[in-house]
């Protein structure tokens, strides 16, 4: 007799012995994956597969990689609210490289 069949904690051996039924996948466990159209801020479009909406849906982006500063490396400007940036520069100006 195989040692694994005697072990009540060995699930694979118990499945082989017929003591535990093989688990079955649930039906409709995955979302519907279909084609949609993505419209960028400049009006250009492309097709991709997604779970967004229904088949043929259009996803209009407000921010995309062509315009967002995180991807374009845009100007590093700081908004000076209530003089915080200028106070920081006055206090720590000697530490910063110019």
Protein backbone atom coordinates (compact mmCIF):
# COMPACT_ATOMS: atom_id res chain seq x y z
CA UNK A 1 0.00 0.00 0.00
CA UNK A 2 1.25 3.51 -0.78
CA UNK A 3 2.08 5.60 2.27
CA UNK A 4 0.34 8.73 0.89
CA UNK A 5 -3.01 6.92 0.78
CA UNK A 6 -2.88 6.41 4.53
CA UNK A 7 -2.27 10.10 5.22
CA UNK A 8 -5.65 11.83 5.78
CA UNK A 9 -4.02 15.24 5.14
CA UNK A 10 -2.66 14.37 1.69
CA UNK A 11 -5.41 15.74 -0.60
CA UNK A 12 -3.87 14.51 -3.86
CA UNK A 13 -3.48 10.96 -2.53
CA UNK A 14 -7.04 10.99 -1.20
CA UNK A 15 -8.31 12.20 -4.59
CA UNK A 16 -6.53 9.28 -6.25
CA UNK A 17 -8.08 6.90 -3.75
CA UNK A 18 -11.54 8.29 -4.56
CA UNK A 19 -12.17 9.67 -1.09
CA UNK A 20 -12.31 13.30 -2.25
CA UNK A 21 -14.01 14.39 -5.44
CA UNK A 22 -11.99 16.52 -7.83
CA UNK A 23 -12.85 20.23 -7.46
CA UNK A 24 -14.72 21.73 -10.40
CA UNK A 25 -14.36 25.24 -11.80
CA UNK A 26 -17.32 27.54 -11.26
CA UNK A 27 -19.11 28.52 -14.43
CA UNK A 28 -19.00 32.20 -15.45
CA UNK A 29 -16.08 32.85 -13.13
CA UNK A 30 -14.31 35.15 -15.57
CA UNK A 31 -15.64 38.52 -16.75
CA UNK A 32 -16.58 39.10 -20.38
CA UNK A 33 -13.43 40.06 -22.32
CA UNK A 34 -14.27 41.91 -25.54
CA UNK A 35 -13.10 44.58 -28.02
CA UNK A 36 -13.50 48.29 -27.17
CA UNK A 37 -12.30 51.54 -28.74
CA UNK A 38 -10.11 53.88 -26.69
CA UNK A 39 -10.16 57.58 -27.64
CA UNK A 40 -7.17 59.66 -26.52
CA UNK A 41 -7.31 63.37 -25.69
CA UNK A 42 -6.04 64.37 -29.14
CA UNK A 43 -8.89 62.44 -30.83
CA UNK A 44 -6.82 59.48 -32.01
CA UNK A 45 -8.30 56.04 -31.34
CA UNK A 46 -7.17 52.46 -31.06
CA UNK A 47 -8.83 49.09 -30.50
CA UNK A 48 -8.02 46.91 -27.52
CA UNK A 49 -9.57 44.07 -25.56
CA UNK A 50 -10.98 44.90 -22.15
CA UNK A 51 -13.60 44.08 -19.55
CA UNK A 52 -14.83 47.71 -19.67
CA UNK A 53 -18.45 48.18 -20.77
CA UNK A 54 -19.91 46.02 -23.52
CA UNK A 55 -18.63 44.89 -26.92
CA UNK A 56 -17.89 47.97 -29.07
CA UNK A 57 -17.92 50.46 -26.16
CA UNK A 58 -15.89 53.68 -26.46
CA UNK A 59 -13.62 54.72 -23.57
CA UNK A 60 -12.77 58.45 -23.69
CA UNK A 61 -9.61 59.25 -21.75
CA UNK A 62 -9.23 62.56 -19.89
CA UNK A 63 -5.51 61.99 -19.35
CA UNK A 64 -3.25 59.90 -21.56
CA UNK A 65 0.48 59.18 -21.95
CA UNK A 66 0.85 61.72 -24.78
CA UNK A 67 -0.28 64.68 -22.66
CA UNK A 68 0.32 63.84 -18.98
CA UNK A 69 3.50 65.34 -17.48
CA UNK A 70 4.32 62.09 -15.68
CA UNK A 71 4.99 60.48 -19.07
CA UNK A 72 6.11 63.48 -21.11
CA UNK A 73 8.62 64.79 -18.58
CA UNK A 74 6.78 68.13 -18.54
CA UNK A 75 7.99 71.31 -16.91
CA UNK A 76 8.71 70.91 -13.24
CA UNK A 77 6.77 73.88 -11.94
CA UNK A 78 5.67 74.21 -8.36
CA UNK A 79 2.49 75.93 -7.32
CA UNK A 80 3.35 78.42 -4.61
CA UNK A 81 0.46 78.30 -2.19
CA UNK A 82 0.57 80.90 0.55
CA UNK A 83 4.30 81.47 -0.04
CA UNK A 84 5.30 77.97 1.07
CA UNK A 85 7.78 77.43 -1.76
CA UNK A 86 9.40 80.82 -1.28
CA UNK A 87 9.65 80.27 2.50
CA UNK A 88 11.26 76.88 1.87
CA UNK A 89 13.73 78.42 -0.60
CA UNK A 90 14.62 81.17 1.88
CA UNK A 91 15.14 78.70 4.70
CA UNK A 92 17.03 75.99 2.80
CA UNK A 93 18.36 77.95 -0.22
CA UNK A 94 21.98 77.29 0.73
CA UNK A 95 21.50 73.51 0.46
CA UNK A 96 20.05 73.55 -3.04
CA UNK A 97 22.17 73.52 -6.18
CA UNK A 98 21.49 76.37 -8.54
